[in-house]
Amino acid sequence: MANSPRPDWIAGATGLVGRALAAELPNGLALVRRPTTGLPIATATVDYGNPVSFSALPTPGRVFIALGTTMAQAGSREAFRAADFDAVLTVAGAARQAGATHCGLVSALGASARSAVFYNQVKGEAEDALIALGFERLVIARPSLLDGEREQLDQPRRKAEALTLKLVRPLAGLIPAVWRPISPVRIARAMRLALESPGPAVRIIESGEMQRLGR
């Protein structure tokens, strides 16, 4: 019997983009903080603060990271960095050490380690840290506002996000693609296609490109 293909690790599979990735990647393994039901793929419980907790997982072929929170939900800069930098680097480092050669990261529009905005700065620092890990292929997705219903996933409601979506959805066709709200499904599909296509070791796909690639 032929060996089974290595699974795709998916970190953040309970979120909007993570669930879209789980649907896009039937060979995925969802890495979750606590026992979780309702996902279309297998799950494995890990501790994002403890790299040792990843040692028992099957060897990954690829790793997709869709972790993230907001400053309001985190409650402090330290808690935000723990979720959007420390946990991201823990997953990527564990996957790389286990033999993963390809990585997809969900970052954010405007991410830059030199940004004056703390949110964008941390996202940019996470990008730089993953580049330094030396994956054969690294795709960094920088989506604009996510166009999805968080309440249906039992996630905390993001009031500012919900209000913005309500205002811009009727005008979406008039908004440049790079700024237009984007479906999590398009993000997931664009990341998969970008990782499976020939290209440079590090490829950054902005939201406008994802709108076209993930259509």
C-alpha atoms as a PDB file:
ATOM      1  CA  MET A   1       0.000   0.000   0.000  1.00  0.00           C
ATOM      2  CA  ALA A   2       1.338   3.421  -0.920  1.00  0.00           C
ATOM      3  CA  ASN A   3       2.209   5.748   1.913  1.00  0.00           C
ATOM      4  CA  SER A   4      -0.455   8.329   2.741  1.00  0.00           C
ATOM      5  CA  PRO A   5       0.457  11.890   1.772  1.00  0.00           C
ATOM      6  CA  ARG A   6       1.685  14.114   4.537  1.00  0.00           C
ATOM      7  CA  PRO A   7      -1.155  16.152   6.048  1.00  0.00           C
ATOM      8  CA  ASP A   8      -1.450  19.917   5.779  1.00  0.00           C
ATOM      9  CA  TRP A   9      -1.265  21.440   9.244  1.00  0.00           C
ATOM     10  CA  ILE A  10      -3.853  24.203   9.634  1.00  0.00           C
ATOM     11  CA  ALA A  11      -3.469  26.533  12.611  1.00  0.00           C
ATOM     12  CA  GLY A  12      -6.483  28.702  13.322  1.00  0.00           C
ATOM     13  CA  ALA A  13      -8.953  26.332  11.675  1.00  0.00           C
ATOM     14  CA  THR A  14     -11.871  27.539  13.805  1.00  0.00           C
ATOM     15  CA  GLY A  15     -11.719  31.064  12.366  1.00  0.00           C
ATOM     16  CA  LEU A  16     -13.153  32.437   9.132  1.00  0.00           C
ATOM     17  CA  VAL A  17     -10.129  31.801   6.917  1.00  0.00           C
ATOM     18  CA  GLY A  18      -9.132  28.684   8.832  1.00  0.00           C
ATOM     19  CA  ARG A  19     -12.486  27.025   8.201  1.00  0.00           C
ATOM     20  CA  ALA A  20     -12.253  27.932   4.538  1.00  0.00           C
ATOM     21  CA  LEU A  21      -8.798  26.332   4.471  1.00  0.00           C
ATOM     22  CA  ALA A  22     -10.184  23.203   6.141  1.00  0.00           C
ATOM     23  CA  ALA A  23     -12.759  22.925   3.340  1.00  0.00           C
ATOM     24  CA  GLU A  24     -10.112  23.627   0.692  1.00  0.00           C
ATOM     25  CA  LEU A  25      -7.603  21.092   2.035  1.00  0.00           C
ATOM     26  CA  PRO A  26      -9.215  17.647   2.507  1.00  0.00           C
ATOM     27  CA  ASN A  27      -5.886  16.235   3.698  1.00  0.00           C
ATOM     28  CA  GLY A  28      -5.671  18.888   6.399  1.00  0.00           C
ATOM     29  CA  LEU A  29      -5.101  18.439  10.110  1.00  0.00           C
ATOM     30  CA  ALA A  30      -6.650  21.197  12.199  1.00  0.00           C
ATOM     31  CA  LEU A  31      -4.502  22.279  15.129  1.00  0.00           C
ATOM     32  CA  VAL A  32      -6.834  23.388  17.918  1.00  0.00           C
ATOM     33  CA  ARG A  33      -6.405  24.629  21.480  1.00  0.00           C
ATOM     34  CA  ARG A  34      -9.209  22.457  22.831  1.00  0.00           C
ATOM     35  CA  PRO A  35     -11.286  19.520  21.568  1.00  0.00           C
ATOM     36  CA  THR A  36     -13.373  20.828  18.680  1.00  0.00           C
ATOM     37  CA  THR A  37     -16.236  19.402  16.639  1.00  0.00           C
ATOM     38  CA  GLY A  38     -17.845  20.514  13.405  1.00  0.00           C
ATOM     39  CA  LEU A  39     -14.742  20.701  11.219  1.00  0.00           C
ATOM     40  CA  PRO A  40     -14.598  18.647   7.994  1.00  0.00           C
ATOM     41  CA  ILE A  41     -11.074  17.387   8.751  1.00  0.00           C
ATOM     42  CA  ALA A  42      -9.242  15.642  11.577  1.00  0.00           C
ATOM     43  CA  THR A  43      -8.146  17.695  14.586  1.00  0.00           C
ATOM     44  CA  ALA A  44      -5.208  17.619  16.996  1.00  0.00           C
ATOM     45  CA  THR A  45      -5.000  19.534  20.263  1.00  0.00           C
ATOM     46  CA  VAL A  46      -1.854  21.615  20.762  1.00  0.00           C
ATOM     47  CA  ASP A  47      -0.548  24.297  23.090  1.00  0.00           C
ATOM     48  CA  TYR A  48       0.631  27.296  21.080  1.00  0.00           C
ATOM     49  CA  GLY A  49       2.749  28.341  24.024  1.00  0.00           C
ATOM     50  CA  ASN A  50       4.593  25.025  24.178  1.00  0.00           C
ATOM     51  CA  PRO A  51       6.476  23.801  21.080  1.00  0.00           C
ATOM     52  CA  VAL A  52       6.850  20.342  22.641  1.00  0.00           C
ATOM     53  CA  SER A  53       3.095  19.797  22.212  1.00  0.00           C
ATOM     54  CA  PHE A  54       3.636  19.551  18.452  1.00  0.00           C
ATOM     55  CA  SER A  55       6.135  16.691  18.685  1.00  0.00           C
ATOM     56  CA  ALA A  56       3.508  13.929  18.529  1.00  0.00           C
ATOM     57  CA  LEU A  57       1.822  15.265  15.377  1.00  0.00           C
ATOM     58  CA  PRO A  58       2.275  13.537  12.019  1.00  0.00           C
ATOM     59  CA  THR A  59       4.947  15.013   9.768  1.00  0.00           C
ATOM     60  CA  PRO A  60       3.412  17.842   7.717  1.00  0.00           C
ATOM     61  CA  GLY A  61       3.909  18.445   4.029  1.00  0.00           C
ATOM     62  CA  ARG A  62       2.663  22.016   4.283  1.00  0.00           C
ATOM     63  CA  VAL A  63       1.536  24.309   7.075  1.00  0.00           C
ATOM     64  CA  PHE A  64      -1.139  26.994   6.812  1.00  0.00           C
ATOM     65  CA  ILE A  65      -1.326  29.584   9.576  1.00  0.00           C
ATOM     66  CA  ALA A  66      -4.487  31.654  10.036  1.00  0.00           C
ATOM     67  CA  LEU A  67      -4.037  32.725  13.643  1.00  0.00           C
ATOM     68  CA  GLY A  68      -4.943  36.182  14.830  1.00  0.00           C
ATOM     69  CA  THR A  69      -6.981  38.365  17.122  1.00  0.00           C
ATOM     70  CA  THR A  70      -7.704  42.071  17.588  1.00  0.00           C
ATOM     71  CA  MET A  71      -6.335  44.538  20.088  1.00  0.00           C
ATOM     72  CA  ALA A  72      -9.809  44.841  21.620  1.00  0.00           C
ATOM     73  CA  GLN A  73     -10.164  41.091  22.104  1.00  0.00           C
ATOM     74  CA  ALA A  74      -6.581  40.613  23.284  1.00  0.00           C
ATOM     75  CA  GLY A  75      -6.874  43.328  25.897  1.00  0.00           C
ATOM     76  CA  SER A  76      -3.211  44.325  25.861  1.00  0.00           C
ATOM     77  CA  ARG A  77      -0.256  44.634  23.519  1.00  0.00           C
ATOM     78  CA  GLU A  78       1.428  41.701  25.231  1.00  0.00           C
ATOM     79  CA  ALA A  79      -1.573  39.424  24.726  1.00  0.00           C
ATOM     80  CA  PHE A  80      -1.925  40.551  21.128  1.00  0.00           C
ATOM     81  CA  ARG A  81       1.730  39.792  20.388  1.00  0.00           C
ATOM     82  CA  ALA A  82       1.377  36.382  22.038  1.00  0.00           C
ATOM     83  CA  ALA A  83      -1.430  35.485  19.622  1.00  0.00           C
ATOM     84  CA  ASP A  84      -0.231  37.146  16.432  1.00  0.00           C
ATOM     85  CA  PHE A  85       3.527  36.696  16.717  1.00  0.00           C
ATOM     86  CA  ASP A  86       4.539  34.138  19.340  1.00  0.00           C
ATOM     87  CA  ALA A  87       1.909  31.520  18.418  1.00  0.00           C
ATOM     88  CA  VAL A  88       2.499  32.028  14.695  1.00  0.00           C
ATOM     89  CA  LEU A  89       6.233  31.514  15.078  1.00  0.00           C
ATOM     90  CA  THR A  90       5.724  28.480  17.330  1.00  0.00           C
ATOM     91  CA  VAL A  91       3.568  26.733  14.710  1.00  0.00           C
ATOM     92  CA  ALA A  92       5.827  27.628  11.800  1.00  0.00           C
ATOM     93  CA  GLY A  93       8.969  26.636  13.692  1.00  0.00           C
ATOM     94  CA  ALA A  94       7.502  23.310  14.776  1.00  0.00           C
ATOM     95  CA  ALA A  95       6.343  22.543  11.243  1.00  0.00           C
ATOM     96  CA  ARG A  96       9.711  23.475   9.755  1.00  0.00           C
ATOM     97  CA  GLN A  97      11.562  21.347  12.301  1.00  0.00           C
ATOM     98  CA  ALA A  98       9.209  18.443  11.554  1.00  0.00           C
ATOM     99  CA  GLY A  99      10.003  18.625   7.843  1.00  0.00           C
ATOM    100  CA  ALA A 100       7.437  20.978   6.291  1.00  0.00           C
ATOM    101  CA  THR A 101       8.788  22.635   3.143  1.00  0.00           C
ATOM    102  CA  HIS A 102       5.825  24.870   2.223  1.00  0.00           C
ATOM    103  CA  CYS A 103       4.050  27.442   4.370  1.00  0.00           C
ATOM    104  CA  GLY A 104       1.082  29.733   3.876  1.00  0.00           C
ATOM    105  CA  LEU A 105       0.552  32.645   6.275  1.00  0.00           C
ATOM    106  CA  VAL A 106      -2.514  34.850   6.617  1.00  0.00           C
ATOM    107  CA  SER A 107      -1.122  38.280   7.478  1.00  0.00           C
ATOM    108  CA  ALA A 108      -2.853  41.633   6.943  1.00  0.00           C
ATOM    109  CA  LEU A 109      -3.079  44.496   4.494  1.00  0.00           C
ATOM    110  CA  GLY A 110      -0.378  47.025   5.354  1.00  0.00           C
ATOM    111  CA  ALA A 111       1.751  44.609   7.376  1.00  0.00           C
ATOM    112  CA  SER A 112       5.271  45.950   7.919  1.00  0.00           C
ATOM    113  CA  ALA A 113       7.756  45.636  10.754  1.00  0.00           C
ATOM    114  CA  ARG A 114       8.463  49.342  10.208  1.00  0.00           C
ATOM    115  CA  SER A 115       4.837  50.417  10.516  1.00  0.00           C
ATOM    116  CA  ALA A 116       3.890  53.039  13.088  1.00  0.00           C
ATOM    117  CA  VAL A 117       0.672  51.087  13.682  1.00  0.00           C
ATOM    118  CA  PHE A 118       1.244  48.393  16.317  1.00  0.00           C
ATOM    119  CA  TYR A 119      -1.126  45.884  14.667  1.00  0.00           C
ATOM    120  CA  ASN A 120       0.600  46.157  11.293  1.00  0.00           C
ATOM    121  CA  GLN A 121       4.023  46.182  12.942  1.00  0.00           C
ATOM    122  CA  VAL A 122       3.432  42.852  14.703  1.00  0.00           C
ATOM    123  CA  LYS A 123       2.025  41.316  11.515  1.00  0.00           C
ATOM    124  CA  GLY A 124       5.121  42.475   9.640  1.00  0.00           C
ATOM    125  CA  GLU A 125       7.451  41.103  12.305  1.00  0.00           C
ATOM    126  CA  ALA A 126       5.700  37.734  12.038  1.00  0.00           C
ATOM    127  CA  GLU A 127       6.213  37.771   8.262  1.00  0.00           C
ATOM    128  CA  ASP A 128       9.929  38.497   8.683  1.00  0.00           C
ATOM    129  CA  ALA A 129      10.318  35.757  11.299  1.00  0.00           C
ATOM    130  CA  LEU A 130       8.758  33.161   8.982  1.00  0.00           C
ATOM    131  CA  ILE A 131      10.916  34.272   6.057  1.00  0.00           C
ATOM    132  CA  ALA A 132      13.964  33.669   8.258  1.00  0.00           C
ATOM    133  CA  LEU A 133      12.904  30.028   8.826  1.00  0.00           C
ATOM    134  CA  GLY A 134      13.893  29.230   5.257  1.00  0.00           C
ATOM    135  CA  PHE A 135      10.871  27.403   3.845  1.00  0.00           C
ATOM    136  CA  GLU A 136      11.306  26.279   0.241  1.00  0.00           C
ATOM    137  CA  ARG A 137       8.061  28.119  -0.517  1.00  0.00           C
ATOM    138  CA  LEU A 138       6.382  30.726   1.675  1.00  0.00           C
ATOM    139  CA  VAL A 139       3.188  32.441   0.570  1.00  0.00           C
ATOM    140  CA  ILE A 140       2.134  35.456   2.618  1.00  0.00           C
ATOM    141  CA  ALA A 141      -1.465  36.543   2.115  1.00  0.00           C
ATOM    142  CA  ARG A 142      -2.351  40.134   3.009  1.00  0.00           C
ATOM    143  CA  PRO A 143      -6.138  40.349   2.864  1.00  0.00           C
ATOM    144  CA  SER A 144      -8.205  43.451   3.424  1.00  0.00           C
ATOM    145  CA  LEU A 145     -11.384  43.324   5.523  1.00  0.00           C
ATOM    146  CA  LEU A 146     -12.773  39.775   5.767  1.00  0.00           C
ATOM    147  CA  ASP A 147     -16.288  39.459   4.396  1.00  0.00           C
ATOM    148  CA  GLY A 148     -17.754  36.715   6.562  1.00  0.00           C
ATOM    149  CA  GLU A 149     -20.196  36.069   9.395  1.00  0.00           C
ATOM    150  CA  ARG A 150     -18.241  35.452  12.587  1.00  0.00           C
ATOM    151  CA  GLU A 151     -21.361  34.975  14.702  1.00  0.00           C
ATOM    152  CA  GLN A 152     -22.167  31.789  12.794  1.00  0.00           C
ATOM    153  CA  LEU A 153     -18.869  30.351  14.048  1.00  0.00           C
ATOM    154  CA  ASP A 154     -19.608  31.295  17.673  1.00  0.00           C
ATOM    155  CA  GLN A 155     -16.823  33.862  17.506  1.00  0.00           C
ATOM    156  CA  PRO A 156     -16.936  37.197  19.369  1.00  0.00           C
ATOM    157  CA  ARG A 157     -18.658  39.871  17.316  1.00  0.00           C
ATOM    158  CA  ARG A 158     -16.298  42.549  16.019  1.00  0.00           C
ATOM    159  CA  LYS A 159     -18.520  45.619  16.087  1.00  0.00           C
ATOM    160  CA  ALA A 160     -16.296  47.864  13.978  1.00  0.00           C
ATOM    161  CA  GLU A 161     -15.847  45.127  11.369  1.00  0.00           C
ATOM    162  CA  ALA A 162     -19.588  44.419  11.226  1.00  0.00           C
ATOM    163  CA  LEU A 163     -20.437  48.099  10.835  1.00  0.00           C
ATOM    164  CA  THR A 164     -17.841  48.609   8.102  1.00  0.00           C
ATOM    165  CA  LEU A 165     -19.117  45.590   6.165  1.00  0.00           C
ATOM    166  CA  LYS A 166     -22.679  46.877   6.409  1.00  0.00           C
ATOM    167  CA  LEU A 167     -21.600  50.192   4.925  1.00  0.00           C
ATOM    168  CA  VAL A 168     -19.295  48.953   2.158  1.00  0.00           C
ATOM    169  CA  ARG A 169     -21.003  45.809   0.873  1.00  0.00           C
ATOM    170  CA  PRO A 170     -23.470  47.777  -1.306  1.00  0.00           C
ATOM    171  CA  LEU A 171     -20.521  49.693  -2.781  1.00  0.00           C
ATOM    172  CA  ALA A 172     -18.121  46.765  -3.197  1.00  0.00           C
ATOM    173  CA  GLY A 173     -18.098  46.999  -6.994  1.00  0.00           C
ATOM    174  CA  LEU A 174     -16.861  50.588  -6.798  1.00  0.00           C
ATOM    175  CA  ILE A 175     -14.031  49.902  -4.363  1.00  0.00           C
ATOM    176  CA  PRO A 176     -10.561  49.062  -5.794  1.00  0.00           C
ATOM    177  CA  ALA A 177      -9.863  45.339  -5.475  1.00  0.00           C
ATOM    178  CA  VAL A 178      -6.982  45.839  -3.043  1.00  0.00           C
ATOM    179  CA  TRP A 179      -9.303  47.561  -0.519  1.00  0.00           C
ATOM    180  CA  ARG A 180     -12.523  45.656  -1.225  1.00  0.00           C
ATOM    181  CA  PRO A 181     -13.777  43.235   1.471  1.00  0.00           C
ATOM    182  CA  ILE A 182     -12.728  39.716   0.566  1.00  0.00           C
ATOM    183  CA  SER A 183     -14.320  36.325   1.093  1.00  0.00           C
ATOM    184  CA  PRO A 184     -12.399  33.868   3.302  1.00  0.00           C
ATOM    185  CA  VAL A 185     -13.016  31.248   0.603  1.00  0.00           C
ATOM    186  CA  ARG A 186     -11.116  33.343  -1.935  1.00  0.00           C
ATOM    187  CA  ILE A 187      -8.241  33.789   0.471  1.00  0.00           C
ATOM    188  CA  ALA A 188      -7.994  30.062   1.148  1.00  0.00           C
ATOM    189  CA  ARG A 189      -8.180  29.135  -2.524  1.00  0.00           C
ATOM    190  CA  ALA A 190      -5.652  31.798  -3.523  1.00  0.00           C
ATOM    191  CA  MET A 191      -3.181  30.591  -0.885  1.00  0.00           C
ATOM    192  CA  ARG A 192      -3.475  26.986  -1.997  1.00  0.00           C
ATOM    193  CA  LEU A 193      -3.092  27.833  -5.675  1.00  0.00           C
ATOM    194  CA  ALA A 194      -0.137  30.123  -5.003  1.00  0.00           C
ATOM    195  CA  LEU A 195       1.673  27.432  -3.001  1.00  0.00           C
ATOM    196  CA  GLU A 196       1.023  24.840  -5.706  1.00  0.00           C
ATOM    197  CA  SER A 197       2.255  27.083  -8.543  1.00  0.00           C
ATOM    198  CA  PRO A 198       5.901  27.660  -9.488  1.00  0.00           C
ATOM    199  CA  GLY A 199       7.274  30.851  -8.065  1.00  0.00           C
ATOM    200  CA  PRO A 200       9.861  32.524  -5.844  1.00  0.00           C
ATOM    201  CA  ALA A 201      10.777  31.202  -2.408  1.00  0.00           C
ATOM    202  CA  VAL A 202       8.754  34.019  -0.843  1.00  0.00           C
ATOM    203  CA  ARG A 203       5.611  35.289  -2.529  1.00  0.00           C
ATOM    204  CA  ILE A 204       3.427  38.034  -1.090  1.00  0.00           C
ATOM    205  CA  ILE A 205      -0.108  38.177  -2.459  1.00  0.00           C
ATOM    206  CA  GLU A 206      -2.042  41.338  -1.765  1.00  0.00           C
ATOM    207  CA  SER A 207      -5.820  41.385  -1.437  1.00  0.00           C
ATOM    208  CA  GLY A 208      -6.463  42.524  -5.007  1.00  0.00           C
ATOM    209  CA  GLU A 209      -4.483  39.597  -6.401  1.00  0.00           C
ATOM    210  CA  MET A 210      -6.341  37.208  -4.103  1.00  0.00           C
ATOM    211  CA  GLN A 211      -9.655  38.526  -5.388  1.00  0.00           C
ATOM    212  CA  ARG A 212      -8.625  37.401  -8.875  1.00  0.00           C
ATOM    213  CA  LEU A 213      -6.658  34.252  -8.025  1.00  0.00           C
ATOM    214  CA  GLY A 214      -9.262  32.857  -5.637  1.00  0.00           C
ATOM    215  CA  ARG A 215     -12.268  33.570  -7.847  1.00  0.00           C
END
